[in-house]
Amino acid sequence: EEGPAPYESKGIGESSNIPIAGAIANAVYDAVGVRITDLPITADKVLAGLRAKGG
Protein backbone atom coordinates (compact mmCIF):
# COMPACT_ATOMS: atom_id res chain seq x y z
CA GLU A 1 0.00 0.00 0.00
CA GLU A 2 1.31 3.41 -0.90
CA GLY A 3 1.72 5.97 1.79
CA PRO A 4 1.17 9.69 1.51
CA ALA A 5 3.62 11.91 -0.31
CA PRO A 6 6.05 14.12 1.63
CA TYR A 7 4.33 16.35 4.19
CA GLU A 8 1.32 14.00 3.97
CA SER A 9 0.17 15.67 0.77
CA LYS A 10 -1.65 13.81 -1.98
CA GLY A 11 -0.89 14.02 -5.67
CA ILE A 12 -3.46 15.68 -7.89
CA GLY A 13 -1.66 15.56 -11.24
CA GLU A 14 -3.40 12.36 -12.29
CA SER A 15 -6.79 14.03 -12.50
CA SER A 16 -5.57 16.27 -15.30
CA ASN A 17 -4.95 13.21 -17.50
CA ILE A 18 -8.64 12.34 -17.79
CA PRO A 19 -9.79 15.06 -20.25
CA ILE A 20 -6.62 14.95 -22.35
CA ALA A 21 -7.64 11.95 -24.50
CA GLY A 22 -10.94 13.60 -25.40
CA ALA A 23 -9.21 16.85 -26.26
CA ILE A 24 -6.76 15.05 -28.54
CA ALA A 25 -9.59 13.08 -30.20
CA ASN A 26 -11.45 16.34 -30.85
CA ALA A 27 -8.30 17.94 -32.25
CA VAL A 28 -7.86 15.01 -34.67
CA TYR A 29 -11.50 15.35 -35.72
CA ASP A 30 -11.14 19.10 -36.23
CA ALA A 31 -7.95 18.63 -38.25
CA VAL A 32 -8.90 15.75 -40.55
CA GLY A 33 -12.61 15.09 -40.03
CA VAL A 34 -12.17 11.56 -38.68
CA ARG A 35 -13.71 10.65 -35.32
CA ILE A 36 -11.58 8.16 -33.36
CA THR A 37 -13.62 6.60 -30.55
CA ASP A 38 -11.21 4.05 -29.11
CA LEU A 39 -7.82 4.54 -27.54
CA PRO A 40 -4.98 4.76 -28.22
CA ILE A 41 -5.31 7.14 -31.14
CA THR A 42 -2.77 5.98 -33.71
CA ALA A 43 -1.78 7.08 -37.17
CA ASP A 44 -3.08 3.75 -38.51
CA LYS A 45 -6.55 4.42 -37.06
CA VAL A 46 -6.61 7.92 -38.51
CA LEU A 47 -5.51 6.61 -41.91
CA ALA A 48 -8.14 3.85 -41.80
CA GLY A 49 -10.76 6.46 -40.95
CA LEU A 50 -9.68 8.62 -43.86
CA ARG A 51 -9.85 5.66 -46.23
CA ALA A 52 -13.30 4.69 -44.96
CA LYS A 53 -14.43 8.28 -45.39
CA GLY A 54 -13.09 8.32 -48.93
CA GLY A 55 -10.37 10.88 -48.26
PDB file of N, CA and C in Angstrom:
ATOM      1  N   GLU A   1       0.846  -1.175   0.000  1.00  0.00           N
ATOM      2  CA  GLU A   1       0.000   0.000   0.000  1.00  0.00           C
ATOM      3  C   GLU A   1       0.886   1.230   0.000  1.00  0.00           C
ATOM      4  N   GLU A   2       0.543   2.183  -0.823  1.00  0.00           N
ATOM      5  CA  GLU A   2       1.315   3.410  -0.900  1.00  0.00           C
ATOM      6  C   GLU A   2       0.951   4.342   0.241  1.00  0.00           C
ATOM      7  N   GLY A   3       1.951   4.985   0.738  1.00  0.00           N
ATOM      8  CA  GLY A   3       1.722   5.971   1.788  1.00  0.00           C
ATOM      9  C   GLY A   3       1.564   7.349   1.189  1.00  0.00           C
ATOM     10  N   PRO A   4       1.314   8.329   2.017  1.00  0.00           N
ATOM     11  CA  PRO A   4       1.170   9.694   1.511  1.00  0.00           C
ATOM     12  C   PRO A   4       2.503  10.229   0.995  1.00  0.00           C
ATOM     13  N   ALA A   5       2.429  11.249   0.208  1.00  0.00           N
ATOM     14  CA  ALA A   5       3.618  11.914  -0.307  1.00  0.00           C
ATOM     15  C   ALA A   5       4.268  12.696   0.833  1.00  0.00           C
ATOM     16  N   PRO A   6       5.418  13.317   0.581  1.00  0.00           N
ATOM     17  CA  PRO A   6       6.049  14.117   1.633  1.00  0.00           C
ATOM     18  C   PRO A   6       5.077  15.145   2.206  1.00  0.00           C
ATOM     19  N   TYR A   7       5.185  15.406   3.467  1.00  0.00           N
ATOM     20  CA  TYR A   7       4.333  16.353   4.188  1.00  0.00           C
ATOM     21  C   TYR A   7       2.868  15.906   4.193  1.00  0.00           C
ATOM     22  N   GLU A   8       2.652  14.608   3.995  1.00  0.00           N
ATOM     23  CA  GLU A   8       1.320  14.000   3.974  1.00  0.00           C
ATOM     24  C   GLU A   8       0.391  14.625   2.934  1.00  0.00           C
ATOM     25  N   SER A   9       0.978  15.126   1.858  1.00  0.00           N
ATOM     26  CA  SER A   9       0.168  15.674   0.768  1.00  0.00           C
ATOM     27  C   SER A   9      -0.235  14.540  -0.172  1.00  0.00           C
ATOM     28  N   LYS A  10      -1.203  14.791  -1.003  1.00  0.00           N
ATOM     29  CA  LYS A  10      -1.650  13.810  -1.981  1.00  0.00           C
ATOM     30  C   LYS A  10      -1.468  14.403  -3.371  1.00  0.00           C
ATOM     31  N   GLY A  11      -1.070  13.558  -4.304  1.00  0.00           N
ATOM     32  CA  GLY A  11      -0.889  14.017  -5.673  1.00  0.00           C
ATOM     33  C   GLY A  11      -2.220  14.319  -6.341  1.00  0.00           C
ATOM     34  N   ILE A  12      -2.244  15.362  -7.156  1.00  0.00           N
ATOM     35  CA  ILE A  12      -3.460  15.682  -7.894  1.00  0.00           C
ATOM     36  C   ILE A  12      -3.196  15.756  -9.395  1.00  0.00           C
ATOM     37  N   GLY A  13      -1.996  15.473  -9.824  1.00  0.00           N
ATOM     38  CA  GLY A  13      -1.665  15.557 -11.243  1.00  0.00           C
ATOM     39  C   GLY A  13      -2.376  14.534 -12.097  1.00  0.00           C
ATOM     40  N   GLU A  14      -2.756  13.411 -11.521  1.00  0.00           N
ATOM     41  CA  GLU A  14      -3.397  12.362 -12.289  1.00  0.00           C
ATOM     42  C   GLU A  14      -4.763  12.791 -12.805  1.00  0.00           C
ATOM     43  N   SER A  15      -5.448  13.620 -12.070  1.00  0.00           N
ATOM     44  CA  SER A  15      -6.788  14.031 -12.499  1.00  0.00           C
ATOM     45  C   SER A  15      -6.765  14.860 -13.774  1.00  0.00           C
ATOM     46  N   SER A  16      -5.641  15.478 -14.067  1.00  0.00           N
ATOM     47  CA  SER A  16      -5.565  16.270 -15.296  1.00  0.00           C
ATOM     48  C   SER A  16      -5.406  15.397 -16.528  1.00  0.00           C
ATOM     49  N   ASN A  17      -5.098  14.110 -16.362  1.00  0.00           N
ATOM     50  CA  ASN A  17      -4.946  13.215 -17.503  1.00  0.00           C
ATOM     51  C   ASN A  17      -6.283  12.804 -18.104  1.00  0.00           C
ATOM     52  N   ILE A  18      -7.349  12.861 -17.342  1.00  0.00           N
ATOM     53  CA  ILE A  18      -8.639  12.344 -17.791  1.00  0.00           C
ATOM     54  C   ILE A  18      -9.162  13.071 -19.034  1.00  0.00           C
ATOM     55  N   PRO A  19      -9.209  14.397 -19.069  1.00  0.00           N
ATOM     56  CA  PRO A  19      -9.789  15.058 -20.247  1.00  0.00           C
ATOM     57  C   PRO A  19      -8.848  15.148 -21.443  1.00  0.00           C
ATOM     58  N   ILE A  20      -7.595  14.779 -21.280  1.00  0.00           N
ATOM     59  CA  ILE A  20      -6.620  14.946 -22.352  1.00  0.00           C
ATOM     60  C   ILE A  20      -6.959  14.089 -23.567  1.00  0.00           C
ATOM     61  N   ALA A  21      -7.341  12.832 -23.369  1.00  0.00           N
ATOM     62  CA  ALA A  21      -7.644  11.946 -24.498  1.00  0.00           C
ATOM     63  C   ALA A  21      -8.796  12.501 -25.327  1.00  0.00           C
ATOM     64  N   GLY A  22      -9.820  13.005 -24.672  1.00  0.00           N
ATOM     65  CA  GLY A  22     -10.942  13.597 -25.399  1.00  0.00           C
ATOM     66  C   GLY A  22     -10.539  14.837 -26.174  1.00  0.00           C
ATOM     67  N   ALA A  23      -9.679  15.638 -25.580  1.00  0.00           N
ATOM     68  CA  ALA A  23      -9.211  16.846 -26.257  1.00  0.00           C
ATOM     69  C   ALA A  23      -8.396  16.493 -27.495  1.00  0.00           C
ATOM     70  N   ILE A  24      -7.560  15.473 -27.387  1.00  0.00           N
ATOM     71  CA  ILE A  24      -6.761  15.045 -28.540  1.00  0.00           C
ATOM     72  C   ILE A  24      -7.667  14.465 -29.620  1.00  0.00           C
ATOM     73  N   ALA A  25      -8.654  13.649 -29.223  1.00  0.00           N
ATOM     74  CA  ALA A  25      -9.589  13.077 -30.196  1.00  0.00           C
ATOM     75  C   ALA A  25     -10.342  14.184 -30.927  1.00  0.00           C
ATOM     76  N   ASN A  26     -10.762  15.213 -30.210  1.00  0.00           N
ATOM     77  CA  ASN A  26     -11.448  16.335 -30.848  1.00  0.00           C
ATOM     78  C   ASN A  26     -10.520  17.110 -31.772  1.00  0.00           C
ATOM     79  N   ALA A  27      -9.262  17.244 -31.398  1.00  0.00           N
ATOM     80  CA  ALA A  27      -8.297  17.936 -32.252  1.00  0.00           C
ATOM     81  C   ALA A  27      -8.077  17.169 -33.550  1.00  0.00           C
ATOM     82  N   VAL A  28      -8.001  15.839 -33.459  1.00  0.00           N
ATOM     83  CA  VAL A  28      -7.858  15.012 -34.667  1.00  0.00           C
ATOM     84  C   VAL A  28      -9.086  15.196 -35.555  1.00  0.00           C
ATOM     85  N   TYR A  29     -10.267  15.167 -34.948  1.00  0.00           N
ATOM     86  CA  TYR A  29     -11.503  15.350 -35.723  1.00  0.00           C
ATOM     87  C   TYR A  29     -11.535  16.725 -36.393  1.00  0.00           C
ATOM     88  N   ASP A  30     -11.158  17.757 -35.664  1.00  0.00           N
ATOM     89  CA  ASP A  30     -11.138  19.105 -36.235  1.00  0.00           C
ATOM     90  C   ASP A  30     -10.134  19.219 -37.377  1.00  0.00           C
ATOM     91  N   ALA A  31      -9.010  18.520 -37.252  1.00  0.00           N
ATOM     92  CA  ALA A  31      -7.948  18.626 -38.250  1.00  0.00           C
ATOM     93  C   ALA A  31      -8.251  17.838 -39.519  1.00  0.00           C
ATOM     94  N   VAL A  32      -8.760  16.615 -39.372  1.00  0.00           N
ATOM     95  CA  VAL A  32      -8.905  15.749 -40.549  1.00  0.00           C
ATOM     96  C   VAL A  32     -10.320  15.237 -40.770  1.00  0.00           C
ATOM     97  N   GLY A  33     -11.235  15.511 -39.845  1.00  0.00           N
ATOM     98  CA  GLY A  33     -12.613  15.089 -40.026  1.00  0.00           C
ATOM     99  C   GLY A  33     -12.877  13.628 -39.757  1.00  0.00           C
ATOM    100  N   VAL A  34     -11.997  12.980 -39.017  1.00  0.00           N
ATOM    101  CA  VAL A  34     -12.165  11.562 -38.676  1.00  0.00           C
ATOM    102  C   VAL A  34     -12.343  11.455 -37.173  1.00  0.00           C
ATOM    103  N   ARG A  35     -13.432  10.820 -36.754  1.00  0.00           N
ATOM    104  CA  ARG A  35     -13.710  10.648 -35.325  1.00  0.00           C
ATOM    105  C   ARG A  35     -13.125   9.312 -34.880  1.00  0.00           C
ATOM    106  N   ILE A  36     -12.168   9.354 -33.955  1.00  0.00           N
ATOM    107  CA  ILE A  36     -11.576   8.159 -33.360  1.00  0.00           C
ATOM    108  C   ILE A  36     -12.234   7.978 -31.999  1.00  0.00           C
ATOM    109  N   THR A  37     -12.861   6.809 -31.784  1.00  0.00           N
ATOM    110  CA  THR A  37     -13.617   6.603 -30.548  1.00  0.00           C
ATOM    111  C   THR A  37     -12.987   5.590 -29.611  1.00  0.00           C
ATOM    112  N   ASP A  38     -11.874   4.984 -30.012  1.00  0.00           N
ATOM    113  CA  ASP A  38     -11.212   4.047 -29.106  1.00  0.00           C
ATOM    114  C   ASP A  38      -9.744   4.413 -28.986  1.00  0.00           C
ATOM    115  N   LEU A  39      -9.202   4.175 -27.831  1.00  0.00           N
ATOM    116  CA  LEU A  39      -7.816   4.540 -27.540  1.00  0.00           C
ATOM    117  C   LEU A  39      -6.922   3.319 -27.636  1.00  0.00           C
ATOM    118  N   PRO A  40      -5.669   3.502 -27.948  1.00  0.00           N
ATOM    119  CA  PRO A  40      -4.976   4.763 -28.223  1.00  0.00           C
ATOM    120  C   PRO A  40      -5.267   5.258 -29.638  1.00  0.00           C
ATOM    121  N   ILE A  41      -5.154   6.539 -29.819  1.00  0.00           N
ATOM    122  CA  ILE A  41      -5.308   7.135 -31.142  1.00  0.00           C
ATOM    123  C   ILE A  41      -3.977   6.956 -31.854  1.00  0.00           C
ATOM    124  N   THR A  42      -4.004   6.245 -32.965  1.00  0.00           N
ATOM    125  CA  THR A  42      -2.772   5.979 -33.706  1.00  0.00           C
ATOM    126  C   THR A  42      -2.904   6.501 -35.130  1.00  0.00           C
ATOM    127  N   ALA A  43      -1.778   6.646 -35.777  1.00  0.00           N
ATOM    128  CA  ALA A  43      -1.776   7.075 -37.174  1.00  0.00           C
ATOM    129  C   ALA A  43      -2.517   6.066 -38.044  1.00  0.00           C
ATOM    130  N   ASP A  44      -2.381   4.777 -37.735  1.00  0.00           N
ATOM    131  CA  ASP A  44      -3.079   3.746 -38.510  1.00  0.00           C
ATOM    132  C   ASP A  44      -4.592   3.902 -38.409  1.00  0.00           C
ATOM    133  N   LYS A  45      -5.099   4.230 -37.229  1.00  0.00           N
ATOM    134  CA  LYS A  45      -6.545   4.423 -37.057  1.00  0.00           C
ATOM    135  C   LYS A  45      -7.025   5.657 -37.810  1.00  0.00           C
ATOM    136  N   VAL A  46      -6.240   6.714 -37.781  1.00  0.00           N
ATOM    137  CA  VAL A  46      -6.609   7.924 -38.514  1.00  0.00           C
ATOM    138  C   VAL A  46      -6.608   7.637 -40.009  1.00  0.00           C
ATOM    139  N   LEU A  47      -5.588   6.947 -40.492  1.00  0.00           N
ATOM    140  CA  LEU A  47      -5.505   6.606 -41.913  1.00  0.00           C
ATOM    141  C   LEU A  47      -6.664   5.706 -42.328  1.00  0.00           C
ATOM    142  N   ALA A  48      -7.002   4.725 -41.500  1.00  0.00           N
ATOM    143  CA  ALA A  48      -8.137   3.849 -41.800  1.00  0.00           C
ATOM    144  C   ALA A  48      -9.434   4.655 -41.845  1.00  0.00           C
ATOM    145  N   GLY A  49      -9.582   5.602 -40.943  1.00  0.00           N
ATOM    146  CA  GLY A  49     -10.760   6.458 -40.950  1.00  0.00           C
ATOM    147  C   GLY A  49     -10.841   7.320 -42.198  1.00  0.00           C
ATOM    148  N   LEU A  50      -9.703   7.831 -42.631  1.00  0.00           N
ATOM    149  CA  LEU A  50      -9.676   8.624 -43.858  1.00  0.00           C
ATOM    150  C   LEU A  50     -10.043   7.777 -45.065  1.00  0.00           C
ATOM    151  N   ARG A  51      -9.521   6.558 -45.108  1.00  0.00           N
ATOM    152  CA  ARG A  51      -9.845   5.663 -46.228  1.00  0.00           C
ATOM    153  C   ARG A  51     -11.322   5.304 -46.227  1.00  0.00           C
ATOM    154  N   ALA A  52     -11.883   5.033 -45.053  1.00  0.00           N
ATOM    155  CA  ALA A  52     -13.304   4.689 -44.958  1.00  0.00           C
ATOM    156  C   ALA A  52     -14.181   5.874 -45.353  1.00  0.00           C
ATOM    157  N   LYS A  53     -13.701   7.056 -45.066  1.00  0.00           N
ATOM    158  CA  LYS A  53     -14.434   8.279 -45.387  1.00  0.00           C
ATOM    159  C   LYS A  53     -14.325   8.613 -46.869  1.00  0.00           C
ATOM    160  N   GLY A  54     -13.301   8.042 -47.511  1.00  0.00           N
ATOM    161  CA  GLY A  54     -13.085   8.323 -48.926  1.00  0.00           C
ATOM    162  C   GLY A  54     -12.115   9.458 -49.166  1.00  0.00           C
ATOM    163  N   GLY A  55     -11.293   9.742 -48.156  1.00  0.00           N
ATOM    164  CA  GLY A  55     -10.374  10.875 -48.257  1.00  0.00           C
ATOM    165  C   GLY A  55      -8.974  10.512 -48.437  1.00  0.00           C
TER     166      GLY A  55
END
